Amino acid sequence: MASRYEVHPTAITRWKKQSLEGLPGVFSAPMTGRTPDDALESDLYEQIGRLKVELEWLKKRWGPGLEERRAMIELGPPEISVRRQCALLGISRSGFYYEPEDPSPENMLLMGLLAIYPKPRLSVGGPENRKFPYLLRGVDILRPNQVWCADIT
């Protein structure tokens, strides 16, 4: 067997000795205590239950806007912690607790905020601006290079 399974012969001898000593007790006594597999299974069931609760909570409370999502968070002794609720709703915890302040009128004046819109009478020329007459009025342009134009703005 050692050469067939590429295992050292001493290991096979030790395994045989351990199995002969322990086999009678395996079938005669009832199994007591939890095995590592049972502990893992119970932990997984606990996690599945917690995720189901979180999913149901999220389905009931999902809303598009930030203010609506903030209003969904339950304070007090909730089923889910505030940290986890914020994570599920995509809100940082500091963003949940933050309450914005209205800017004071003094700050608005200091910042120099003004509305941008067309002021009245902008297209009316001033007295210092001279109006030039249109010299081509009534002239028939019949051939190339008869009239030239330049823009000096």
C-alpha atoms as a PDB file:
ATOM      1  CA  MET A   1       0.000   0.000   0.000  1.00  0.00           C
ATOM      2  CA  ALA A   2       2.841   2.366   0.798  1.00  0.00           C
ATOM      3  CA  SER A   3       4.277   2.175  -2.719  1.00  0.00           C
ATOM      4  CA  ARG A   4       0.850   2.204  -4.382  1.00  0.00           C
ATOM      5  CA  TYR A   5      -0.328   5.444  -2.658  1.00  0.00           C
ATOM      6  CA  GLU A   6       3.161   6.899  -2.224  1.00  0.00           C
ATOM      7  CA  VAL A   7       2.861   7.128   1.575  1.00  0.00           C
ATOM      8  CA  HIS A   8       5.602   6.234   4.069  1.00  0.00           C
ATOM      9  CA  PRO A   9       5.106   2.749   5.605  1.00  0.00           C
ATOM     10  CA  THR A  10       5.433   4.128   9.164  1.00  0.00           C
ATOM     11  CA  ALA A  11       2.431   6.419   8.589  1.00  0.00           C
ATOM     12  CA  ILE A  12       0.318   3.465   7.456  1.00  0.00           C
ATOM     13  CA  THR A  13       1.277   1.472  10.544  1.00  0.00           C
ATOM     14  CA  ARG A  14       0.399   4.415  12.841  1.00  0.00           C
ATOM     15  CA  TRP A  15      -3.010   4.947  11.123  1.00  0.00           C
ATOM     16  CA  LYS A  16      -3.837   1.238  11.449  1.00  0.00           C
ATOM     17  CA  LYS A  17      -2.984   1.250  15.148  1.00  0.00           C
ATOM     18  CA  GLN A  18      -5.113   4.394  15.798  1.00  0.00           C
ATOM     19  CA  SER A  19      -8.089   2.988  13.930  1.00  0.00           C
ATOM     20  CA  LEU A  20      -8.002  -0.351  15.766  1.00  0.00           C
ATOM     21  CA  GLU A  21      -7.913   1.457  19.121  1.00  0.00           C
ATOM     22  CA  GLY A  22     -10.682   3.933  18.317  1.00  0.00           C
ATOM     23  CA  LEU A  23     -13.165   2.010  16.156  1.00  0.00           C
ATOM     24  CA  PRO A  24     -15.002   0.131  18.936  1.00  0.00           C
ATOM     25  CA  GLY A  25     -15.776   3.385  20.744  1.00  0.00           C
ATOM     26  CA  VAL A  26     -17.123   5.075  17.601  1.00  0.00           C
ATOM     27  CA  PHE A  27     -19.969   2.601  17.130  1.00  0.00           C
ATOM     28  CA  SER A  28     -20.798   1.823  20.753  1.00  0.00           C
ATOM     29  CA  ALA A  29     -21.157   5.269  22.441  1.00  0.00           C
ATOM     30  CA  PRO A  30     -23.654   7.928  21.334  1.00  0.00           C
ATOM     31  CA  MET A  31     -22.169  11.007  19.800  1.00  0.00           C
ATOM     32  CA  THR A  32     -21.912  13.921  22.231  1.00  0.00           C
ATOM     33  CA  GLY A  33     -20.796  17.490  21.670  1.00  0.00           C
ATOM     34  CA  ARG A  34     -20.750  19.429  18.483  1.00  0.00           C
ATOM     35  CA  THR A  35     -18.420  18.755  15.642  1.00  0.00           C
ATOM     36  CA  PRO A  36     -16.706  21.584  13.799  1.00  0.00           C
ATOM     37  CA  ASP A  37     -19.091  20.992  10.890  1.00  0.00           C
ATOM     38  CA  ASP A  38     -22.110  21.528  13.154  1.00  0.00           C
ATOM     39  CA  ALA A  39     -20.664  24.799  14.451  1.00  0.00           C
ATOM     40  CA  LEU A  40     -19.960  26.000  10.917  1.00  0.00           C
ATOM     41  CA  GLU A  41     -23.453  25.022   9.810  1.00  0.00           C
ATOM     42  CA  SER A  42     -25.115  26.897  12.675  1.00  0.00           C
ATOM     43  CA  ASP A  43     -22.965  29.985  11.965  1.00  0.00           C
ATOM     44  CA  LEU A  44     -23.990  29.863   8.314  1.00  0.00           C
ATOM     45  CA  TYR A  45     -27.690  29.541   9.213  1.00  0.00           C
ATOM     46  CA  GLU A  46     -27.324  32.506  11.573  1.00  0.00           C
ATOM     47  CA  GLN A  47     -25.724  34.574   8.805  1.00  0.00           C
ATOM     48  CA  ILE A  48     -28.460  33.564   6.326  1.00  0.00           C
ATOM     49  CA  GLY A  49     -31.117  34.630   8.837  1.00  0.00           C
ATOM     50  CA  ARG A  50     -29.428  37.991   9.410  1.00  0.00           C
ATOM     51  CA  LEU A  51     -29.145  38.609   5.670  1.00  0.00           C
ATOM     52  CA  LYS A  52     -32.837  37.723   5.178  1.00  0.00           C
ATOM     53  CA  VAL A  53     -33.824  40.243   7.852  1.00  0.00           C
ATOM     54  CA  GLU A  54     -31.623  42.913   6.243  1.00  0.00           C
ATOM     55  CA  LEU A  55     -33.056  42.199   2.793  1.00  0.00           C
ATOM     56  CA  GLU A  56     -36.650  42.417   3.996  1.00  0.00           C
ATOM     57  CA  TRP A  57     -35.849  45.636   5.848  1.00  0.00           C
ATOM     58  CA  LEU A  58     -34.276  47.123   2.718  1.00  0.00           C
ATOM     59  CA  LYS A  59     -37.181  46.099   0.457  1.00  0.00           C
ATOM     60  CA  LYS A  60     -39.641  47.887   2.754  1.00  0.00           C
ATOM     61  CA  ARG A  61     -37.662  51.083   2.964  1.00  0.00           C
ATOM     62  CA  TRP A  62     -35.951  51.651  -0.396  1.00  0.00           C
ATOM     63  CA  GLY A  63     -36.405  55.193  -1.806  1.00  0.00           C
ATOM     64  CA  PRO A  64     -34.627  57.177  -4.516  1.00  0.00           C
ATOM     65  CA  GLY A  65     -33.614  60.417  -2.757  1.00  0.00           C
ATOM     66  CA  LEU A  66     -31.081  61.037   0.001  1.00  0.00           C
ATOM     67  CA  GLU A  67     -33.628  62.636   2.323  1.00  0.00           C
ATOM     68  CA  GLU A  68     -36.014  59.705   1.833  1.00  0.00           C
ATOM     69  CA  ARG A  69     -33.201  57.253   2.589  1.00  0.00           C
ATOM     70  CA  ARG A  70     -32.217  59.242   5.698  1.00  0.00           C
ATOM     71  CA  ALA A  71     -35.811  59.044   6.932  1.00  0.00           C
ATOM     72  CA  MET A  72     -35.782  55.243   6.579  1.00  0.00           C
ATOM     73  CA  ILE A  73     -33.108  54.686   9.202  1.00  0.00           C
ATOM     74  CA  GLU A  74     -34.529  53.473  12.497  1.00  0.00           C
ATOM     75  CA  LEU A  75     -33.024  54.800  15.711  1.00  0.00           C
ATOM     76  CA  GLY A  76     -33.449  53.162  19.090  1.00  0.00           C
ATOM     77  CA  PRO A  77     -33.199  49.372  19.382  1.00  0.00           C
ATOM     78  CA  PRO A  78     -33.597  48.385  15.702  1.00  0.00           C
ATOM     79  CA  GLU A  79     -33.357  44.925  14.210  1.00  0.00           C
ATOM     80  CA  ILE A  80     -30.301  46.129  12.312  1.00  0.00           C
ATOM     81  CA  SER A  81     -27.618  48.485  13.645  1.00  0.00           C
ATOM     82  CA  VAL A  82     -27.514  52.082  12.424  1.00  0.00           C
ATOM     83  CA  ARG A  83     -24.106  51.412  10.875  1.00  0.00           C
ATOM     84  CA  ARG A  84     -25.466  48.522   8.809  1.00  0.00           C
ATOM     85  CA  GLN A  85     -28.624  50.436   7.840  1.00  0.00           C
ATOM     86  CA  CYS A  86     -26.461  53.300   6.548  1.00  0.00           C
ATOM     87  CA  ALA A  87     -24.305  50.849   4.598  1.00  0.00           C
ATOM     88  CA  LEU A  88     -27.357  49.178   3.038  1.00  0.00           C
ATOM     89  CA  LEU A  89     -28.868  52.516   2.031  1.00  0.00           C
ATOM     90  CA  GLY A  90     -25.595  53.925   0.695  1.00  0.00           C
ATOM     91  CA  ILE A  91     -25.312  56.767   3.231  1.00  0.00           C
ATOM     92  CA  SER A  92     -22.239  57.515   5.311  1.00  0.00           C
ATOM     93  CA  ARG A  93     -22.944  57.642   9.031  1.00  0.00           C
ATOM     94  CA  SER A  94     -21.621  61.182   9.293  1.00  0.00           C
ATOM     95  CA  GLY A  95     -23.933  62.116   6.427  1.00  0.00           C
ATOM     96  CA  PHE A  96     -26.837  60.605   8.356  1.00  0.00           C
ATOM     97  CA  TYR A  97     -26.137  62.613  11.516  1.00  0.00           C
ATOM     98  CA  TYR A  98     -25.198  65.875   9.695  1.00  0.00           C
ATOM     99  CA  GLU A  99     -27.763  68.652   9.827  1.00  0.00           C
ATOM    100  CA  PRO A 100     -27.045  71.439   7.321  1.00  0.00           C
ATOM    101  CA  GLU A 101     -27.171  75.057   8.438  1.00  0.00           C
ATOM    102  CA  ASP A 102     -28.721  77.833   6.392  1.00  0.00           C
ATOM    103  CA  PRO A 103     -26.188  80.437   5.262  1.00  0.00           C
ATOM    104  CA  SER A 104     -26.528  83.765   7.019  1.00  0.00           C
ATOM    105  CA  PRO A 105     -27.387  86.847   4.940  1.00  0.00           C
ATOM    106  CA  GLU A 106     -24.036  88.405   5.878  1.00  0.00           C
ATOM    107  CA  ASN A 107     -22.180  85.481   4.318  1.00  0.00           C
ATOM    108  CA  MET A 108     -24.194  85.800   1.115  1.00  0.00           C
ATOM    109  CA  LEU A 109     -23.195  89.465   0.820  1.00  0.00           C
ATOM    110  CA  LEU A 110     -19.550  88.719   1.613  1.00  0.00           C
ATOM    111  CA  MET A 111     -19.331  86.091  -1.094  1.00  0.00           C
ATOM    112  CA  GLY A 112     -20.548  88.585  -3.679  1.00  0.00           C
ATOM    113  CA  LEU A 113     -23.132  86.316  -5.244  1.00  0.00           C
ATOM    114  CA  LEU A 114     -25.138  88.076  -7.936  1.00  0.00           C
ATOM    115  CA  ALA A 115     -27.624  86.776 -10.445  1.00  0.00           C
ATOM    116  CA  ILE A 116     -26.328  86.667 -14.018  1.00  0.00           C
ATOM    117  CA  TYR A 117     -28.890  87.839 -16.562  1.00  0.00           C
ATOM    118  CA  PRO A 118     -28.935  90.308 -19.461  1.00  0.00           C
ATOM    119  CA  LYS A 119     -29.077  93.849 -18.190  1.00  0.00           C
ATOM    120  CA  PRO A 120     -31.603  96.210 -19.854  1.00  0.00           C
ATOM    121  CA  ARG A 121     -30.702  98.391 -22.882  1.00  0.00           C
ATOM    122  CA  LEU A 122     -27.362  96.699 -23.648  1.00  0.00           C
ATOM    123  CA  SER A 123     -27.839  96.885 -27.400  1.00  0.00           C
ATOM    124  CA  VAL A 124     -28.346 100.664 -27.446  1.00  0.00           C
ATOM    125  CA  GLY A 125     -25.200 102.447 -28.609  1.00  0.00           C
ATOM    126  CA  GLY A 126     -23.719 105.302 -26.669  1.00  0.00           C
ATOM    127  CA  PRO A 127     -23.082 108.821 -28.034  1.00  0.00           C
ATOM    128  CA  GLU A 128     -19.330 108.172 -28.378  1.00  0.00           C
ATOM    129  CA  ASN A 129     -19.919 105.235 -30.741  1.00  0.00           C
ATOM    130  CA  ARG A 130     -20.224 106.414 -34.322  1.00  0.00           C
ATOM    131  CA  LYS A 131     -22.565 104.618 -36.731  1.00  0.00           C
ATOM    132  CA  PHE A 132     -21.118 103.955 -40.169  1.00  0.00           C
ATOM    133  CA  PRO A 133     -23.431 103.828 -43.181  1.00  0.00           C
ATOM    134  CA  TYR A 134     -23.812 100.668 -45.311  1.00  0.00           C
ATOM    135  CA  LEU A 135     -22.104 101.612 -48.565  1.00  0.00           C
ATOM    136  CA  LEU A 136     -23.185  98.592 -50.623  1.00  0.00           C
ATOM    137  CA  ARG A 137     -26.899  99.262 -50.456  1.00  0.00           C
ATOM    138  CA  GLY A 138     -28.293  99.238 -53.977  1.00  0.00           C
ATOM    139  CA  VAL A 139     -25.015  97.967 -55.570  1.00  0.00           C
ATOM    140  CA  ASP A 140     -25.388  94.869 -57.783  1.00  0.00           C
ATOM    141  CA  ILE A 141     -22.490  92.443 -57.264  1.00  0.00           C
ATOM    142  CA  LEU A 142     -22.029  90.682 -60.607  1.00  0.00           C
ATOM    143  CA  ARG A 143     -18.474  89.255 -60.690  1.00  0.00           C
ATOM    144  CA  PRO A 144     -15.868  87.784 -58.329  1.00  0.00           C
ATOM    145  CA  ASN A 145     -13.546  90.202 -56.529  1.00  0.00           C
ATOM    146  CA  GLN A 146     -15.889  93.122 -57.193  1.00  0.00           C
ATOM    147  CA  VAL A 147     -16.415  93.704 -53.438  1.00  0.00           C
ATOM    148  CA  TRP A 148     -14.064  92.979 -50.585  1.00  0.00           C
ATOM    149  CA  CYS A 149     -14.796  92.999 -46.867  1.00  0.00           C
ATOM    150  CA  ALA A 150     -12.612  93.191 -43.777  1.00  0.00           C
ATOM    151  CA  ASP A 151     -13.489  92.695 -40.145  1.00  0.00           C
ATOM    152  CA  ILE A 152     -11.307  94.677 -37.766  1.00  0.00           C
ATOM    153  CA  THR A 153     -12.930  93.623 -34.520  1.00  0.00           C
END
